[in-house]
Amino acid sequence: MIERAKTMAGRRRSALPAMLVALAGLLGPAEGFAAPPACDGENLVPGLVDAGRFDAVAQKAATVENGEGRFFEIEAAGGAPSYLFGTMHLGDPRLLALPAPVETAFEKSRRLIIETTDILDRIRMAGALFADPGLTTLPGGKTLDDYLTPDQRQRLETMLSAKGVPLQAVERLQPWFLSSGFMLPDCLKPAPGGVPLVLDTDLAAAAKRAGKPVEGLETAAEQLKTLSAIPIAEQMDGLVALLAAEDRLADVFETMIVLYLGEHVSTILPAIEAAVPEGGMLVGTGEGYGSFEDKVITERNLTMADRLQPLLAKGGSFVAVGALHLPGEQGLVALLRERGFTVTRVKAPMGARRVAADGEPVGTDRATPSTGDSPQTDQPAHTNK
């Protein structure tokens, strides 16, 4: 097992930060909403530009269908328009500010549709999480020691110890669950005792205040089964890469946030792959990422598109799902077009202020990226629309 762990890094690549973005906001229990502190990482894109490496990133991103944009209008024959907005499931306050056209669409929509409404209910979330121990624990009585080299084990033990968690307490957890529960920077975790204040939960609270129904496309149990179905070896690849890149995680997530706010969704993964020495392991395109993409993105996209079809046919829906679900040949934008809907990108510049679930204005106190032609650079834009 240890020998396999030593060679996994050379054979596969993983997408653990992307997985963590998919997970963040899923596991936070409790009542009320709590905002974490702001992140203070460094945007890695300017360094790529200075090193002459950003052109290759932009070229790779430009090959992704619907890779630019996070907000789309959806038209069905004879019905009112609906809207699709890509979110990031992270608790950074910059992500809570709705651009003006998005806010207008949200206000005039008749219903909100999010990935799962279970995240809004502590009891349902806990029930899904603990109903089947096989979703979160390693199979066959194995422990992390069966997969990690001694050096990797020591690194994990040190990392957990700094967070006040003994390794023995988590040694039977699957890597996806261990990573989501203990490895996120503090700025990306829900505060103790609080439902994570991510945009999805903030929108749900606003919809309820306005008397709008909130519907979900999946159950938490379905999401958890999807995550636990990723092969353990590939989950372990991601955990090992995460340990190696621990001191760069704040920068990785800052870069993801900046590119997302600039609407450069398809640039996120290739930029991190190029900017971080461990980037190929973190967000690469090898076997590990293929499993992540197939199970956590593509398979769920197909389910979401099917379940959205009757709701969108009625018109008047505002759909908020993770931005990684939008681009690509099997992304929601393409899948909805295949199902007969007219889907048109609406540019969504930053700048709006709105009231979050706790009643406080949501703003952009920290500098937000320009929504110009290129992410934090003077490079030409990629042309996906």
Protein backbone atom coordinates (compact mmCIF):
# COMPACT_ATOMS: atom_id res chain seq x y z
CA MET A 1 0.00 0.00 0.00
CA ILE A 2 2.77 2.41 0.91
CA GLU A 3 4.62 1.65 -2.31
CA ARG A 4 1.45 2.40 -4.24
CA ALA A 5 1.15 5.73 -2.43
CA LYS A 6 4.72 6.59 -3.42
CA THR A 7 3.98 6.13 -7.10
CA MET A 8 0.47 7.54 -7.29
CA ALA A 9 1.68 11.11 -7.67
CA GLY A 10 3.53 10.22 -10.83
CA ARG A 11 0.66 8.30 -12.37
CA ARG A 12 -2.39 10.43 -11.64
CA ARG A 13 -3.50 13.95 -11.08
CA SER A 14 -6.23 15.12 -8.78
CA ALA A 15 -8.53 18.09 -8.36
CA LEU A 16 -8.82 18.43 -4.64
CA PRO A 17 -9.22 22.21 -4.46
CA ALA A 18 -12.00 21.95 -7.01
CA MET A 19 -13.48 19.18 -4.88
CA LEU A 20 -13.17 21.36 -1.80
CA VAL A 21 -15.02 24.14 -3.57
CA ALA A 22 -17.74 21.66 -4.43
CA LEU A 23 -17.84 20.55 -0.80
CA ALA A 24 -17.46 23.84 1.04
CA GLY A 25 -20.86 24.81 2.31
CA LEU A 26 -22.14 21.24 2.17
CA LEU A 27 -20.96 20.04 5.57
CA GLY A 28 -21.58 23.04 7.83
CA PRO A 29 -24.28 22.24 10.40
CA ALA A 30 -26.49 24.40 12.55
CA GLU A 31 -28.92 27.25 12.89
CA GLY A 32 -28.39 30.84 11.84
CA PHE A 33 -25.83 32.16 9.42
CA ALA A 34 -22.21 32.90 10.27
CA ALA A 35 -19.62 34.59 8.07
CA PRO A 36 -15.96 33.53 8.35
CA PRO A 37 -13.06 35.97 8.15
CA ALA A 38 -11.93 37.13 4.73
CA CYS A 39 -9.15 35.24 3.00
CA ASP A 40 -5.79 36.93 2.51
CA GLY A 41 -4.08 34.85 -0.13
CA GLU A 42 -2.28 36.18 -3.20
CA ASN A 43 -3.71 36.09 -6.71
CA LEU A 44 -1.29 33.93 -8.71
CA VAL A 45 -2.26 35.21 -12.18
CA PRO A 46 0.01 38.31 -12.25
CA GLY A 47 2.99 36.05 -11.57
CA LEU A 48 2.04 33.92 -14.56
CA VAL A 49 1.87 37.02 -16.73
CA ASP A 50 5.25 38.26 -15.51
CA ALA A 51 6.77 34.85 -16.24
CA GLY A 52 5.30 34.74 -19.74
CA ARG A 53 3.18 31.70 -18.89
CA PHE A 54 -0.32 33.13 -18.98
CA ASP A 55 -0.81 32.94 -22.76
CA ALA A 56 -0.71 29.13 -22.60
CA VAL A 57 -3.24 29.18 -19.76
CA ALA A 58 -5.57 31.45 -21.74
CA GLN A 59 -5.26 29.28 -24.84
CA LYS A 60 -6.18 26.18 -22.85
CA ALA A 61 -9.13 27.94 -21.25
CA ALA A 62 -10.35 29.19 -24.63
CA THR A 63 -10.91 25.62 -25.82
CA VAL A 64 -13.62 25.08 -23.19
CA GLU A 65 -17.15 25.53 -24.49
CA ASN A 66 -19.02 28.25 -22.57
CA GLY A 67 -15.91 28.82 -20.49
CA GLU A 68 -16.52 32.54 -20.05
CA GLY A 69 -19.44 33.80 -18.00
CA ARG A 70 -21.30 32.86 -14.85
CA PHE A 71 -24.76 34.27 -15.60
CA PHE A 72 -27.16 33.13 -18.35
CA GLU A 73 -30.74 33.84 -19.38
CA ILE A 74 -32.83 30.78 -20.24
CA GLU A 75 -35.83 31.08 -22.54
CA ALA A 76 -38.49 28.45 -23.13
CA ALA A 77 -41.19 28.68 -25.76
CA GLY A 78 -44.10 30.73 -24.47
CA GLY A 79 -42.80 31.13 -20.91
CA ALA A 80 -41.20 33.80 -18.80
CA PRO A 81 -37.40 33.72 -18.82
CA SER A 82 -35.43 31.86 -16.19
CA TYR A 83 -31.84 32.48 -15.13
CA LEU A 84 -28.77 30.35 -14.40
CA PHE A 85 -26.11 31.76 -12.07
CA GLY A 86 -22.85 29.98 -11.27
CA THR A 87 -21.75 30.39 -7.65
CA MET A 88 -18.72 29.46 -5.57
CA HIS A 89 -19.48 27.57 -2.38
CA LEU A 90 -16.96 29.54 -0.36
CA GLY A 91 -17.45 31.85 2.59
CA ASP A 92 -15.55 34.84 1.28
CA PRO A 93 -17.58 38.07 1.63
CA ARG A 94 -16.66 39.25 -1.88
CA LEU A 95 -18.66 36.36 -3.30
CA LEU A 96 -21.90 37.55 -1.70
CA ALA A 97 -22.24 40.77 -3.72
CA LEU A 98 -24.68 40.22 -6.57
CA PRO A 99 -23.93 42.07 -9.81
CA ALA A 100 -26.80 44.39 -10.76
CA PRO A 101 -28.27 42.27 -13.61
CA VAL A 102 -28.16 39.18 -11.40
CA GLU A 103 -29.92 40.95 -8.55
CA THR A 104 -32.61 42.23 -10.90
CA ALA A 105 -33.19 38.74 -12.27
CA PHE A 106 -33.33 37.27 -8.77
CA GLU A 107 -35.87 39.83 -7.61
CA LYS A 108 -38.25 39.23 -10.51
CA SER A 109 -37.98 35.43 -10.46
CA ARG A 110 -40.79 33.44 -8.86
CA ARG A 111 -38.73 30.63 -7.37
CA LEU A 112 -35.14 29.82 -6.38
CA ILE A 113 -33.52 26.52 -7.29
CA ILE A 114 -30.26 25.48 -5.61
CA GLU A 115 -28.26 22.27 -5.61
CA THR A 116 -29.76 20.96 -2.38
CA THR A 117 -32.09 22.42 0.22
CA ASP A 118 -30.73 19.97 2.79
CA ILE A 119 -27.89 22.39 3.53
CA LEU A 120 -30.50 24.71 5.05
CA ASP A 121 -31.62 22.13 7.62
CA ARG A 122 -29.19 20.94 10.30
CA ILE A 123 -31.16 17.79 11.11
CA ARG A 124 -31.53 16.64 7.52
CA MET A 125 -27.86 17.36 6.83
CA ALA A 126 -26.72 15.38 9.87
CA GLY A 127 -29.06 12.55 8.96
CA ALA A 128 -27.63 12.29 5.47
CA LEU A 129 -24.07 12.47 6.76
CA PHE A 130 -24.33 9.79 9.43
CA ALA A 131 -26.99 7.45 8.03
CA ASP A 132 -24.38 5.38 6.19
CA PRO A 133 -20.88 5.26 7.75
CA GLY A 134 -19.59 3.74 4.53
CA LEU A 135 -19.91 7.13 2.86
CA THR A 136 -17.28 8.71 5.08
CA THR A 137 -15.05 5.90 6.40
CA LEU A 138 -12.37 3.85 4.69
CA PRO A 139 -13.42 0.37 3.55
CA GLY A 140 -12.39 -2.96 5.03
CA GLY A 141 -11.23 -1.59 8.37
CA LYS A 142 -8.35 0.24 6.71
CA THR A 143 -6.77 3.38 8.10
CA LEU A 144 -4.82 6.20 6.50
CA ASP A 145 -1.62 4.39 7.49
CA ASP A 146 -2.46 1.81 4.82
CA TYR A 147 -2.12 4.46 2.12
CA LEU A 148 0.42 7.02 3.35
CA THR A 149 4.19 6.88 3.44
CA PRO A 150 5.76 7.62 6.86
CA ASP A 151 6.71 11.11 5.67
CA GLN A 152 3.19 11.81 4.42
CA ARG A 153 1.75 10.52 7.67
CA GLN A 154 4.00 12.81 9.67
CA ARG A 155 3.04 15.79 7.55
CA LEU A 156 -0.66 15.03 8.00
CA GLU A 157 -0.23 14.55 11.74
CA THR A 158 1.54 17.91 12.02
CA MET A 159 -1.12 19.66 9.96
CA LEU A 160 -3.94 18.21 12.05
CA SER A 161 -2.15 18.87 15.32
CA ALA A 162 -1.97 22.56 14.44
CA LYS A 163 -5.75 22.49 14.24
CA GLY A 164 -6.10 20.64 17.54
CA VAL A 165 -7.12 17.34 15.94
CA PRO A 166 -5.26 14.10 16.78
CA LEU A 167 -4.61 11.87 13.80
CA GLN A 168 -6.05 8.89 15.66
CA ALA A 169 -9.43 10.62 15.74
CA VAL A 170 -9.68 10.79 11.96
CA GLU A 171 -7.50 7.91 10.75
CA ARG A 172 -10.48 5.94 9.40
CA LEU A 173 -12.05 8.80 7.45
CA GLN A 174 -12.13 8.82 3.67
CA PRO A 175 -9.81 11.49 2.24
CA TRP A 176 -12.62 13.56 0.70
CA PHE A 177 -14.32 13.90 4.07
CA LEU A 178 -11.12 14.51 5.97
CA SER A 179 -10.12 17.22 3.53
CA SER A 180 -13.44 19.00 3.56
CA GLY A 181 -13.78 18.83 7.31
CA PHE A 182 -10.29 19.79 8.44
CA MET A 183 -8.15 21.10 5.60
CA LEU A 184 -9.92 24.24 4.39
CA PRO A 185 -8.38 27.55 5.46
CA ASP A 186 -10.31 29.14 8.32
CA CYS A 187 -11.61 31.85 6.00
CA LEU A 188 -13.42 29.22 3.94
CA LYS A 189 -15.05 27.33 6.78
CA PRO A 190 -18.39 28.03 8.44
CA ALA A 191 -18.04 29.44 11.92
CA PRO A 192 -18.84 26.93 14.69
CA GLY A 193 -22.57 26.62 15.12
CA GLY A 194 -23.45 28.44 11.92
CA VAL A 195 -24.90 27.50 8.56
CA PRO A 196 -22.14 28.51 6.14
CA LEU A 197 -22.84 31.96 4.74
CA VAL A 198 -22.14 31.17 1.12
CA LEU A 199 -24.06 32.77 -1.71
CA ASP A 200 -26.36 29.78 -2.13
CA THR A 201 -27.56 29.90 1.49
CA ASP A 202 -27.72 33.70 1.40
CA LEU A 203 -29.97 33.58 -1.66
CA ALA A 204 -32.15 30.95 0.00
CA ALA A 205 -32.65 33.19 3.02
CA ALA A 206 -33.48 36.15 0.78
CA ALA A 207 -35.97 34.06 -1.20
CA LYS A 208 -37.71 32.91 1.96
CA ARG A 209 -37.97 36.48 3.23
CA ALA A 210 -39.60 37.41 -0.07
CA GLY A 211 -42.03 34.48 0.14
CA LYS A 212 -40.50 32.62 -2.79
CA PRO A 213 -40.28 28.82 -2.76
CA VAL A 214 -36.79 27.30 -2.60
CA GLU A 215 -36.32 23.97 -4.37
CA GLY A 216 -33.36 21.62 -4.63
CA LEU A 217 -32.05 19.58 -7.54
CA GLU A 218 -30.44 16.89 -5.38
CA THR A 219 -30.52 15.51 -1.88
CA ALA A 220 -27.51 15.68 0.38
CA ALA A 221 -27.47 11.88 0.41
CA GLU A 222 -27.08 11.84 -3.37
CA GLN A 223 -24.21 14.32 -3.17
CA LEU A 224 -22.43 12.34 -0.47
CA LYS A 225 -22.79 9.09 -2.41
CA THR A 226 -21.26 10.76 -5.44
CA LEU A 227 -18.25 11.96 -3.47
CA SER A 228 -17.66 8.66 -1.72
CA ALA A 229 -17.79 6.86 -5.07
CA ILE A 230 -14.53 8.49 -6.15
CA PRO A 231 -11.90 5.71 -5.91
CA ILE A 232 -10.03 5.82 -2.60
CA ALA A 233 -6.67 5.82 -4.37
CA GLU A 234 -7.62 8.95 -6.26
CA GLN A 235 -8.99 10.59 -3.13
CA MET A 236 -5.66 9.81 -1.50
CA ASP A 237 -3.80 11.42 -4.41
CA GLY A 238 -5.67 14.60 -3.68
CA LEU A 239 -4.93 14.44 0.03
CA VAL A 240 -1.21 13.93 -0.64
CA ALA A 241 -1.20 16.87 -3.05
CA LEU A 242 -3.01 18.97 -0.49
CA LEU A 243 -0.40 18.19 2.14
CA ALA A 244 2.37 19.14 -0.28
CA ALA A 245 0.69 22.43 -1.15
CA GLU A 246 -0.55 23.39 2.30
CA ASP A 247 1.33 26.70 2.41
CA ARG A 248 -0.10 27.70 -1.00
CA LEU A 249 -3.76 26.91 -0.36
CA ALA A 250 -4.74 30.47 0.51
CA ASP A 251 -3.17 31.59 -2.79
CA VAL A 252 -4.94 28.82 -4.69
CA PHE A 253 -8.34 29.79 -3.35
CA GLU A 254 -7.66 33.51 -3.80
CA THR A 255 -6.85 32.85 -7.45
CA MET A 256 -10.03 30.83 -7.87
CA ILE A 257 -12.07 33.66 -6.35
CA VAL A 258 -10.47 36.38 -8.49
CA LEU A 259 -10.96 34.44 -11.71
CA TYR A 260 -14.53 33.56 -10.77
CA LEU A 261 -15.42 37.18 -10.03
CA GLY A 262 -13.92 38.13 -13.39
CA GLU A 263 -16.20 35.51 -15.02
CA HIS A 264 -13.20 33.52 -16.30
CA VAL A 265 -14.51 30.17 -15.08
CA SER A 266 -12.59 27.95 -17.50
CA THR A 267 -9.32 29.70 -16.60
CA ILE A 268 -9.45 28.61 -12.96
CA LEU A 269 -8.05 25.10 -13.22
CA PRO A 270 -5.32 25.68 -15.85
CA ALA A 271 -4.13 28.81 -14.03
CA ILE A 272 -3.62 26.96 -10.77
CA GLU A 273 -2.05 24.02 -12.57
CA ALA A 274 0.50 26.41 -14.09
CA ALA A 275 1.10 28.62 -11.05
CA VAL A 276 1.63 26.10 -8.27
CA PRO A 277 4.40 23.48 -8.39
CA GLU A 278 1.88 20.93 -7.18
CA GLY A 279 -0.77 22.37 -9.50
CA GLY A 280 -0.82 19.39 -11.81
CA MET A 281 -1.69 17.18 -8.86
CA LEU A 282 -4.16 19.69 -7.48
CA VAL A 283 -6.23 20.48 -10.55
CA GLY A 284 -4.74 18.49 -13.39
CA THR A 285 -6.39 16.70 -16.24
CA GLY A 286 -5.11 13.18 -15.68
CA GLU A 287 -6.89 10.11 -14.43
CA GLY A 288 -7.64 11.50 -10.99
CA TYR A 289 -9.29 14.62 -12.29
CA GLY A 290 -11.20 12.54 -14.83
CA SER A 291 -12.86 10.60 -12.03
CA PHE A 292 -13.64 13.81 -10.17
CA GLU A 293 -15.07 15.41 -13.30
CA ASP A 294 -17.08 12.34 -14.28
CA LYS A 295 -18.65 11.74 -10.89
CA VAL A 296 -18.81 15.14 -9.21
CA ILE A 297 -19.43 17.31 -12.26
CA THR A 298 -20.62 15.51 -15.41
CA GLU A 299 -22.92 12.87 -13.89
CA ARG A 300 -24.51 15.47 -11.66
CA ASN A 301 -24.88 17.86 -14.59
CA LEU A 302 -26.93 15.29 -16.46
CA THR A 303 -29.16 14.76 -13.42
CA MET A 304 -29.54 18.49 -12.83
CA ALA A 305 -30.41 19.17 -16.47
CA ASP A 306 -33.10 16.49 -16.46
CA ARG A 307 -34.60 17.76 -13.20
CA LEU A 308 -34.43 21.37 -14.33
CA GLN A 309 -36.28 20.76 -17.57
CA PRO A 310 -39.87 20.85 -16.22
CA LEU A 311 -39.07 23.73 -13.87
CA LEU A 312 -37.54 25.84 -16.63
CA ALA A 313 -40.46 25.07 -18.93
CA LYS A 314 -42.68 26.92 -16.44
CA GLY A 315 -40.43 29.98 -16.56
CA GLY A 316 -39.62 32.35 -13.74
CA SER A 317 -36.89 30.27 -12.07
CA PHE A 318 -33.58 31.54 -10.71
CA VAL A 319 -31.10 28.65 -10.65
CA ALA A 320 -27.96 28.99 -8.51
CA VAL A 321 -25.44 26.13 -8.74
CA GLY A 322 -21.67 25.86 -8.54
CA ALA A 323 -19.93 27.62 -11.42
CA LEU A 324 -17.95 24.49 -12.33
CA HIS A 325 -21.25 22.97 -13.50
CA LEU A 326 -21.74 25.56 -16.26
CA PRO A 327 -18.91 25.22 -18.85
CA GLY A 328 -17.90 22.39 -21.13
CA GLU A 329 -19.54 20.10 -23.66
CA GLN A 330 -21.33 18.38 -20.78
CA GLY A 331 -21.89 21.57 -18.79
CA LEU A 332 -25.33 22.80 -17.87
CA VAL A 333 -25.32 25.56 -20.49
CA ALA A 334 -24.73 23.07 -23.31
CA LEU A 335 -27.05 20.44 -21.85
CA LEU A 336 -29.93 22.89 -21.51
CA ARG A 337 -29.45 24.01 -25.10
CA GLU A 338 -29.59 20.36 -26.17
CA ARG A 339 -32.95 20.13 -24.38
CA GLY A 340 -34.40 22.91 -26.50
CA PHE A 341 -33.87 25.98 -24.33
CA THR A 342 -32.34 29.19 -25.62
CA VAL A 343 -29.45 29.98 -23.27
CA THR A 344 -27.75 33.36 -23.62
CA ARG A 345 -24.85 34.73 -21.63
CA VAL A 346 -25.52 37.96 -19.74
CA LYS A 347 -22.37 39.78 -18.62
CA ALA A 348 -22.38 40.28 -14.87
CA PRO A 349 -19.97 43.01 -13.78
CA MET A 350 -19.34 43.49 -10.09
CA GLY A 351 -20.49 46.45 -8.02
CA ALA A 352 -23.93 45.78 -6.55
CA ARG A 353 -24.64 45.94 -2.84
CA ARG A 354 -27.36 43.92 -1.22
CA VAL A 355 -28.46 42.74 2.20
CA ALA A 356 -27.20 39.36 3.34
CA ALA A 357 -29.07 36.89 5.52
CA ASP A 358 -27.86 38.53 8.72
CA GLY A 359 -29.33 41.87 7.68
CA GLU A 360 -25.97 43.54 7.07
CA PRO A 361 -25.16 45.11 3.68
CA VAL A 362 -23.04 42.92 1.47
CA GLY A 363 -20.34 44.91 -0.26
CA THR A 364 -16.93 44.73 -1.77
CA ASP A 365 -14.72 46.26 0.88
CA ARG A 366 -11.74 44.36 -0.46
CA ALA A 367 -10.59 45.06 -3.97
CA THR A 368 -12.47 42.97 -6.48
CA PRO A 369 -11.11 42.06 -9.88
CA SER A 370 -11.88 43.96 -13.01
CA THR A 371 -14.37 42.30 -15.32
CA GLY A 372 -12.49 43.51 -18.34
CA ASP A 373 -11.06 41.46 -21.12
CA SER A 374 -8.62 39.42 -19.11
CA PRO A 375 -8.21 38.24 -15.52
CA GLN A 376 -6.12 40.85 -13.72
CA THR A 377 -3.90 41.33 -16.75
CA ASP A 378 -3.68 43.36 -19.94
CA GLN A 379 -3.74 40.18 -21.98
CA PRO A 380 -6.45 39.73 -24.64
CA ALA A 381 -9.59 37.96 -23.55
CA HIS A 382 -10.44 34.44 -24.55
CA THR A 383 -13.45 34.47 -26.82
CA ASN A 384 -15.78 31.76 -25.53
CA LYS A 385 -19.31 33.11 -25.20
